[in-house]
C-alpha atoms as a PDB file:
ATOM      1  CA  UNK A   1     -14.375  -9.658  16.897  1.00  0.00           C
ATOM      2  CA  UNK A   2     -17.836 -10.908  15.934  1.00  0.00           C
ATOM      3  CA  UNK A   3     -19.336 -13.518  13.643  1.00  0.00           C
ATOM      4  CA  UNK A   4     -21.744 -12.632  10.828  1.00  0.00           C
ATOM      5  CA  UNK A   5     -24.727 -13.148  13.136  1.00  0.00           C
ATOM      6  CA  UNK A   6     -23.268 -10.826  15.783  1.00  0.00           C
ATOM      7  CA  UNK A   7     -21.873 -13.357  18.256  1.00  0.00           C
ATOM      8  CA  UNK A   8     -18.493 -12.626  19.843  1.00  0.00           C
ATOM      9  CA  UNK A   9     -15.856 -14.992  18.482  1.00  0.00           C
ATOM     10  CA  UNK A  10     -13.754 -16.787  21.071  1.00  0.00           C
ATOM     11  CA  UNK A  11     -10.025 -17.388  20.837  1.00  0.00           C
ATOM     12  CA  UNK A  12     -10.468 -20.515  18.750  1.00  0.00           C
ATOM     13  CA  UNK A  13     -12.964 -18.779  16.478  1.00  0.00           C
ATOM     14  CA  UNK A  14     -10.605 -15.851  15.978  1.00  0.00           C
ATOM     15  CA  UNK A  15      -7.809 -18.233  15.042  1.00  0.00           C
ATOM     16  CA  UNK A  16     -10.072 -19.981  12.513  1.00  0.00           C
ATOM     17  CA  UNK A  17     -11.146 -16.644  11.060  1.00  0.00           C
ATOM     18  CA  UNK A  18      -7.538 -15.505  10.642  1.00  0.00           C
ATOM     19  CA  UNK A  19      -6.580 -18.818   9.057  1.00  0.00           C
ATOM     20  CA  UNK A  20      -9.340 -18.361   6.478  1.00  0.00           C
ATOM     21  CA  UNK A  21      -8.002 -14.888   5.695  1.00  0.00           C
ATOM     22  CA  UNK A  22      -4.430 -16.177   5.438  1.00  0.00           C
ATOM     23  CA  UNK A  23      -5.473 -18.951   3.071  1.00  0.00           C
ATOM     24  CA  UNK A  24      -7.462 -16.529   0.937  1.00  0.00           C
ATOM     25  CA  UNK A  25      -4.471 -14.173   0.760  1.00  0.00           C
ATOM     26  CA  UNK A  26      -2.292 -17.032  -0.436  1.00  0.00           C
ATOM     27  CA  UNK A  27      -4.834 -18.049  -3.071  1.00  0.00           C
ATOM     28  CA  UNK A  28      -5.063 -14.492  -4.416  1.00  0.00           C
ATOM     29  CA  UNK A  29      -1.354 -14.703  -5.211  1.00  0.00           C
ATOM     30  CA  UNK A  30      -1.955 -17.410  -7.795  1.00  0.00           C
ATOM     31  CA  UNK A  31      -5.626 -17.149  -8.802  1.00  0.00           C
ATOM     32  CA  UNK A  32      -7.754 -14.331 -10.255  1.00  0.00           C
ATOM     33  CA  UNK A  33      -9.884 -12.749  -7.536  1.00  0.00           C
ATOM     34  CA  UNK A  34     -13.236 -13.727  -9.083  1.00  0.00           C
ATOM     35  CA  UNK A  35     -12.151 -17.350  -9.597  1.00  0.00           C
ATOM     36  CA  UNK A  36     -11.699 -17.955  -5.866  1.00  0.00           C
ATOM     37  CA  UNK A  37     -14.653 -19.832  -4.349  1.00  0.00           C
ATOM     38  CA  UNK A  38     -15.724 -20.214  -0.736  1.00  0.00           C
ATOM     39  CA  UNK A  39     -15.419 -23.982  -0.881  1.00  0.00           C
ATOM     40  CA  UNK A  40     -11.808 -23.722  -2.090  1.00  0.00           C
ATOM     41  CA  UNK A  41     -10.832 -21.320   0.698  1.00  0.00           C
ATOM     42  CA  UNK A  42     -12.528 -23.502   3.314  1.00  0.00           C
ATOM     43  CA  UNK A  43     -10.871 -26.649   1.996  1.00  0.00           C
ATOM     44  CA  UNK A  44      -7.444 -25.009   2.040  1.00  0.00           C
ATOM     45  CA  UNK A  45      -8.021 -23.868   5.626  1.00  0.00           C
ATOM     46  CA  UNK A  46      -9.098 -27.374   6.628  1.00  0.00           C
ATOM     47  CA  UNK A  47     -12.649 -26.390   7.491  1.00  0.00           C
ATOM     48  CA  UNK A  48     -16.095 -26.185   5.873  1.00  0.00           C
ATOM     49  CA  UNK A  49     -17.996 -23.572   3.824  1.00  0.00           C
ATOM     50  CA  UNK A  50     -20.458 -23.336   6.709  1.00  0.00           C
ATOM     51  CA  UNK A  51     -17.623 -22.235   8.981  1.00  0.00           C
ATOM     52  CA  UNK A  52     -16.499 -19.662   6.402  1.00  0.00           C
ATOM     53  CA  UNK A  53     -19.988 -18.167   6.324  1.00  0.00           C
ATOM     54  CA  UNK A  54     -19.935 -17.810  10.106  1.00  0.00           C
ATOM     55  CA  UNK A  55     -17.264 -15.107   9.699  1.00  0.00           C
ATOM     56  CA  UNK A  56     -17.761 -13.637   6.224  1.00  0.00           C
ATOM     57  CA  UNK A  57     -20.818 -13.074   4.006  1.00  0.00           C
ATOM     58  CA  UNK A  58     -18.878 -14.103   0.886  1.00  0.00           C
ATOM     59  CA  UNK A  59     -15.401 -14.100  -0.655  1.00  0.00           C
ATOM     60  CA  UNK A  60     -15.633 -10.401  -1.444  1.00  0.00           C
ATOM     61  CA  UNK A  61     -16.379  -9.626   2.192  1.00  0.00           C
ATOM     62  CA  UNK A  62     -13.266 -11.528   3.248  1.00  0.00           C
ATOM     63  CA  UNK A  63     -11.191  -9.781   0.553  1.00  0.00           C
ATOM     64  CA  UNK A  64     -12.339  -6.409   1.898  1.00  0.00           C
ATOM     65  CA  UNK A  65     -11.275  -7.485   5.389  1.00  0.00           C
ATOM     66  CA  UNK A  66      -7.769  -8.340   4.123  1.00  0.00           C
ATOM     67  CA  UNK A  67      -7.651  -5.066   2.232  1.00  0.00           C
ATOM     68  CA  UNK A  68      -8.629  -3.085   5.329  1.00  0.00           C
ATOM     69  CA  UNK A  69      -5.859  -4.733   7.342  1.00  0.00           C
ATOM     70  CA  UNK A  70      -3.394  -3.983   4.560  1.00  0.00           C
ATOM     71  CA  UNK A  71      -4.568  -0.359   4.313  1.00  0.00           C
ATOM     72  CA  UNK A  72      -3.953   0.167   8.028  1.00  0.00           C
ATOM     73  CA  UNK A  73      -0.396  -1.021   7.508  1.00  0.00           C
ATOM     74  CA  UNK A  74      -0.034   1.132   4.387  1.00  0.00           C
ATOM     75  CA  UNK A  75      -1.076   4.265   6.247  1.00  0.00           C
ATOM     76  CA  UNK A  76       2.133   3.742   8.219  1.00  0.00           C
ATOM     77  CA  UNK A  77       4.153   4.795   5.169  1.00  0.00           C
ATOM     78  CA  UNK A  78       3.609   8.342   6.404  1.00  0.00           C
ATOM     79  CA  UNK A  79       5.809   7.484   9.405  1.00  0.00           C
ATOM     80  CA  UNK A  80       8.783   7.414   7.024  1.00  0.00           C
ATOM     81  CA  UNK A  81       8.393  11.202   6.721  1.00  0.00           C
ATOM     82  CA  UNK A  82       7.589  12.050  10.335  1.00  0.00           C
ATOM     83  CA  UNK A  83      10.173  14.486  11.686  1.00  0.00           C
ATOM     84  CA  UNK A  84      12.568  13.755   8.834  1.00  0.00           C
ATOM     85  CA  UNK A  85      14.932  16.289   7.296  1.00  0.00           C
ATOM     86  CA  UNK A  86      15.302  17.028   3.583  1.00  0.00           C
ATOM     87  CA  UNK A  87      18.557  18.944   4.027  1.00  0.00           C
ATOM     88  CA  UNK A  88      21.965  17.652   2.967  1.00  0.00           C
ATOM     89  CA  UNK A  89      22.778  13.970   3.347  1.00  0.00           C
ATOM     90  CA  UNK A  90      19.786  13.517   5.654  1.00  0.00           C
ATOM     91  CA  UNK A  91      17.506  14.498   2.767  1.00  0.00           C
ATOM     92  CA  UNK A  92      19.015  11.850   0.531  1.00  0.00           C
ATOM     93  CA  UNK A  93      18.484   9.251   3.251  1.00  0.00           C
ATOM     94  CA  UNK A  94      14.856  10.345   3.671  1.00  0.00           C
ATOM     95  CA  UNK A  95      14.225   9.940  -0.058  1.00  0.00           C
ATOM     96  CA  UNK A  96      15.841   6.484  -0.102  1.00  0.00           C
ATOM     97  CA  UNK A  97      13.893   5.238   2.902  1.00  0.00           C
ATOM     98  CA  UNK A  98      10.600   6.476   1.460  1.00  0.00           C
ATOM     99  CA  UNK A  99      11.326   4.608  -1.774  1.00  0.00           C
ATOM    100  CA  UNK A 100      12.373   1.483   0.119  1.00  0.00           C
ATOM    101  CA  UNK A 101       9.164   1.609   2.136  1.00  0.00           C
ATOM    102  CA  UNK A 102       6.954   1.890  -0.944  1.00  0.00           C
ATOM    103  CA  UNK A 103       8.716  -0.871  -2.869  1.00  0.00           C
ATOM    104  CA  UNK A 104       8.667  -3.259   0.105  1.00  0.00           C
ATOM    105  CA  UNK A 105       5.006  -2.550   0.920  1.00  0.00           C
ATOM    106  CA  UNK A 106       3.957  -3.261  -2.677  1.00  0.00           C
ATOM    107  CA  UNK A 107       6.065  -6.426  -2.894  1.00  0.00           C
ATOM    108  CA  UNK A 108       4.567  -7.733   0.343  1.00  0.00           C
ATOM    109  CA  UNK A 109       0.970  -6.921  -0.600  1.00  0.00           C
ATOM    110  CA  UNK A 110       1.096  -7.306  -4.375  1.00  0.00           C
ATOM    111  CA  UNK A 111      -1.857  -9.702  -4.697  1.00  0.00           C
ATOM    112  CA  UNK A 112      -4.373  -7.792  -2.580  1.00  0.00           C
ATOM    113  CA  UNK A 113      -3.256  -4.441  -4.003  1.00  0.00           C
ATOM    114  CA  UNK A 114      -4.059  -5.729  -7.496  1.00  0.00           C
ATOM    115  CA  UNK A 115      -7.574  -6.594  -6.313  1.00  0.00           C
ATOM    116  CA  UNK A 116      -7.989  -3.170  -4.675  1.00  0.00           C
ATOM    117  CA  UNK A 117      -6.803  -1.387  -7.834  1.00  0.00           C
ATOM    118  CA  UNK A 118      -9.165  -3.469  -9.968  1.00  0.00           C
ATOM    119  CA  UNK A 119     -12.141  -2.746  -7.728  1.00  0.00           C
ATOM    120  CA  UNK A 120     -11.319   0.970  -7.582  1.00  0.00           C
ATOM    121  CA  UNK A 121     -10.894   1.143 -11.364  1.00  0.00           C
ATOM    122  CA  UNK A 122     -14.331  -0.458 -11.784  1.00  0.00           C
ATOM    123  CA  UNK A 123     -15.877   2.241  -9.608  1.00  0.00           C
ATOM    124  CA  UNK A 124     -16.377   0.229  -6.411  1.00  0.00           C
ATOM    125  CA  UNK A 125     -16.388   2.914  -3.706  1.00  0.00           C
ATOM    126  CA  UNK A 126     -15.355   0.439  -1.005  1.00  0.00           C
ATOM    127  CA  UNK A 127     -12.118  -0.425  -2.771  1.00  0.00           C
ATOM    128  CA  UNK A 128     -11.515   3.196  -3.739  1.00  0.00           C
ATOM    129  CA  UNK A 129     -11.868   4.209  -0.083  1.00  0.00           C
ATOM    130  CA  UNK A 130      -9.253   1.624   0.902  1.00  0.00           C
ATOM    131  CA  UNK A 131      -6.886   2.827  -1.828  1.00  0.00           C
ATOM    132  CA  UNK A 132      -7.240   6.413  -0.638  1.00  0.00           C
ATOM    133  CA  UNK A 133      -6.611   5.321   2.951  1.00  0.00           C
ATOM    134  CA  UNK A 134      -3.249   3.912   1.887  1.00  0.00           C
ATOM    135  CA  UNK A 135      -2.166   6.916  -0.158  1.00  0.00           C
ATOM    136  CA  UNK A 136      -3.750   9.920   1.562  1.00  0.00           C
ATOM    137  CA  UNK A 137      -1.675   9.854   4.736  1.00  0.00           C
ATOM    138  CA  UNK A 138       1.683   9.680   2.961  1.00  0.00           C
ATOM    139  CA  UNK A 139       0.578  12.296   0.399  1.00  0.00           C
ATOM    140  CA  UNK A 140      -0.461  14.660   3.178  1.00  0.00           C
ATOM    141  CA  UNK A 141       2.799  14.143   5.074  1.00  0.00           C
ATOM    142  CA  UNK A 142       4.851  14.710   1.946  1.00  0.00           C
ATOM    143  CA  UNK A 143       2.889  17.879   1.141  1.00  0.00           C
ATOM    144  CA  UNK A 144       3.578  19.133   4.665  1.00  0.00           C
ATOM    145  CA  UNK A 145       7.306  18.478   4.195  1.00  0.00           C
ATOM    146  CA  UNK A 146       7.311  20.426   0.932  1.00  0.00           C
ATOM    147  CA  UNK A 147       5.273  23.205   2.515  1.00  0.00           C
ATOM    148  CA  UNK A 148       7.777  23.477   5.371  1.00  0.00           C
ATOM    149  CA  UNK A 149      10.658  23.860   2.896  1.00  0.00           C
ATOM    150  CA  UNK A 150       8.661  26.469   1.017  1.00  0.00           C
ATOM    151  CA  UNK A 151       7.989  28.476   4.176  1.00  0.00           C
ATOM    152  CA  UNK A 152      11.735  28.598   4.810  1.00  0.00           C
ATOM    153  CA  UNK A 153      12.399  29.881   1.303  1.00  0.00           C
ATOM    154  CA  UNK A 154      14.201  26.723   0.206  1.00  0.00           C
ATOM    155  CA  UNK A 155      11.915  26.037  -2.758  1.00  0.00           C
ATOM    156  CA  UNK A 156       9.996  28.254  -5.171  1.00  0.00           C
ATOM    157  CA  UNK A 157       7.024  30.062  -3.627  1.00  0.00           C
ATOM    158  CA  UNK A 158       4.906  29.263  -6.695  1.00  0.00           C
ATOM    159  CA  UNK A 159       5.167  25.499  -6.112  1.00  0.00           C
ATOM    160  CA  UNK A 160       1.928  23.830  -4.994  1.00  0.00           C
ATOM    161  CA  UNK A 161       2.969  21.363  -2.236  1.00  0.00           C
ATOM    162  CA  UNK A 162      -0.164  19.210  -2.594  1.00  0.00           C
ATOM    163  CA  UNK A 163       0.261  18.943  -6.366  1.00  0.00           C
ATOM    164  CA  UNK A 164       3.934  17.950  -6.099  1.00  0.00           C
ATOM    165  CA  UNK A 165       3.206  15.472  -3.297  1.00  0.00           C
ATOM    166  CA  UNK A 166       0.322  13.910  -5.217  1.00  0.00           C
ATOM    167  CA  UNK A 167       2.419  13.557  -8.372  1.00  0.00           C
ATOM    168  CA  UNK A 168       5.319  11.976  -6.467  1.00  0.00           C
ATOM    169  CA  UNK A 169       3.070   9.495  -4.662  1.00  0.00           C
ATOM    170  CA  UNK A 170       1.382   8.594  -7.963  1.00  0.00           C
ATOM    171  CA  UNK A 171       4.831   7.943  -9.432  1.00  0.00           C
ATOM    172  CA  UNK A 172       5.907   5.833  -6.456  1.00  0.00           C
ATOM    173  CA  UNK A 173       2.673   3.843  -6.630  1.00  0.00           C
ATOM    174  CA  UNK A 174       2.993   3.175 -10.351  1.00  0.00           C
ATOM    175  CA  UNK A 175       6.634   2.129 -10.120  1.00  0.00           C
ATOM    176  CA  UNK A 176       6.115   0.008  -6.989  1.00  0.00           C
ATOM    177  CA  UNK A 177       3.234  -1.881  -8.617  1.00  0.00           C
ATOM    178  CA  UNK A 178       5.314  -2.534 -11.748  1.00  0.00           C
ATOM    179  CA  UNK A 179       8.581  -3.691 -10.183  1.00  0.00           C
ATOM    180  CA  UNK A 180       8.736  -6.984 -12.047  1.00  0.00           C
ATOM    181  CA  UNK A 181       8.246  -5.204 -15.350  1.00  0.00           C
ATOM    182  CA  UNK A 182      11.428  -3.177 -14.975  1.00  0.00           C
ATOM    183  CA  UNK A 183      13.551  -6.301 -15.391  1.00  0.00           C
ATOM    184  CA  UNK A 184      12.209  -6.686 -18.948  1.00  0.00           C
ATOM    185  CA  UNK A 185      13.705  -3.267 -19.686  1.00  0.00           C
ATOM    186  CA  UNK A 186      17.064  -4.350 -18.302  1.00  0.00           C
ATOM    187  CA  UNK A 187      16.647  -2.411 -15.054  1.00  0.00           C
ATOM    188  CA  UNK A 188      17.861  -4.267 -11.963  1.00  0.00           C
ATOM    189  CA  UNK A 189      16.225  -3.773  -8.574  1.00  0.00           C
ATOM    190  CA  UNK A 190      19.485  -2.386  -7.192  1.00  0.00           C
ATOM    191  CA  UNK A 191      19.461   0.251  -9.947  1.00  0.00           C
ATOM    192  CA  UNK A 192      15.785   1.103  -9.591  1.00  0.00           C
ATOM    193  CA  UNK A 193      15.920   2.269  -5.980  1.00  0.00           C
ATOM    194  CA  UNK A 194      18.573   5.022  -6.203  1.00  0.00           C
ATOM    195  CA  UNK A 195      17.176   6.407  -9.450  1.00  0.00           C
ATOM    196  CA  UNK A 196      13.658   6.546  -8.044  1.00  0.00           C
ATOM    197  CA  UNK A 197      14.991   8.152  -4.863  1.00  0.00           C
ATOM    198  CA  UNK A 198      16.765  10.750  -7.015  1.00  0.00           C
ATOM    199  CA  UNK A 199      13.467  11.693  -8.667  1.00  0.00           C
ATOM    200  CA  UNK A 200      11.759  11.954  -5.273  1.00  0.00           C
ATOM    201  CA  UNK A 201      14.533  14.158  -3.879  1.00  0.00           C
ATOM    202  CA  UNK A 202      14.462  16.410  -6.940  1.00  0.00           C
ATOM    203  CA  UNK A 203      10.670  16.627  -6.736  1.00  0.00           C
ATOM    204  CA  UNK A 204      10.679  17.627  -3.073  1.00  0.00           C
ATOM    205  CA  UNK A 205      13.712  19.936  -2.915  1.00  0.00           C
ATOM    206  CA  UNK A 206      14.301  20.941  -6.537  1.00  0.00           C
ATOM    207  CA  UNK A 207      17.959  20.022  -6.038  1.00  0.00           C
ATOM    208  CA  UNK A 208      20.278  17.092  -6.576  1.00  0.00           C
ATOM    209  CA  UNK A 209      20.940  15.203  -3.348  1.00  0.00           C
ATOM    210  CA  UNK A 210      24.104  15.459  -1.270  1.00  0.00           C
ATOM    211  CA  UNK A 211      25.435  11.914  -1.019  1.00  0.00           C
END
């Protein structure tokens, strides 16, 4: 791990750097991204702006670092599909665990995901690349699962696995990023999960789940 000027950061420097990132993450939960200033992050971390600039060129650079760390974690959503079955009760469990993973990941990373979505929507290729890193791996894994079912004759041969997978991941992303909004429609969290899992199972297998 290096500083902005290329020096290798020692253990203490690495701890300071991580503290700055942690403080920035916390601030993003309550403040608009563009309102956060270097001096405020440094003050919250108990250090100086000069120290901040040793590790990051600006607030945006630090935000991108947090986003990259989050994207690495998000790519792990694909692990929820690795070697999993979509047959019988096992298929229902797979659908539920995929939904649980998405909802939990978005709850945990809500603030930074909002910044990534904003940057991507504005055409910033750096943020768009991070967003794709999160979603591509799970979309690919889901497409492979659908393709495997198709090769065994369990779903229609005319189905496009990539199209179905992409649509399901887009749905999961939209719902996961809007979890708080469902309560205004009278939908409880405990009701959201099984209904979303039902849609995922239907989308993948074309059949109602065996519970």
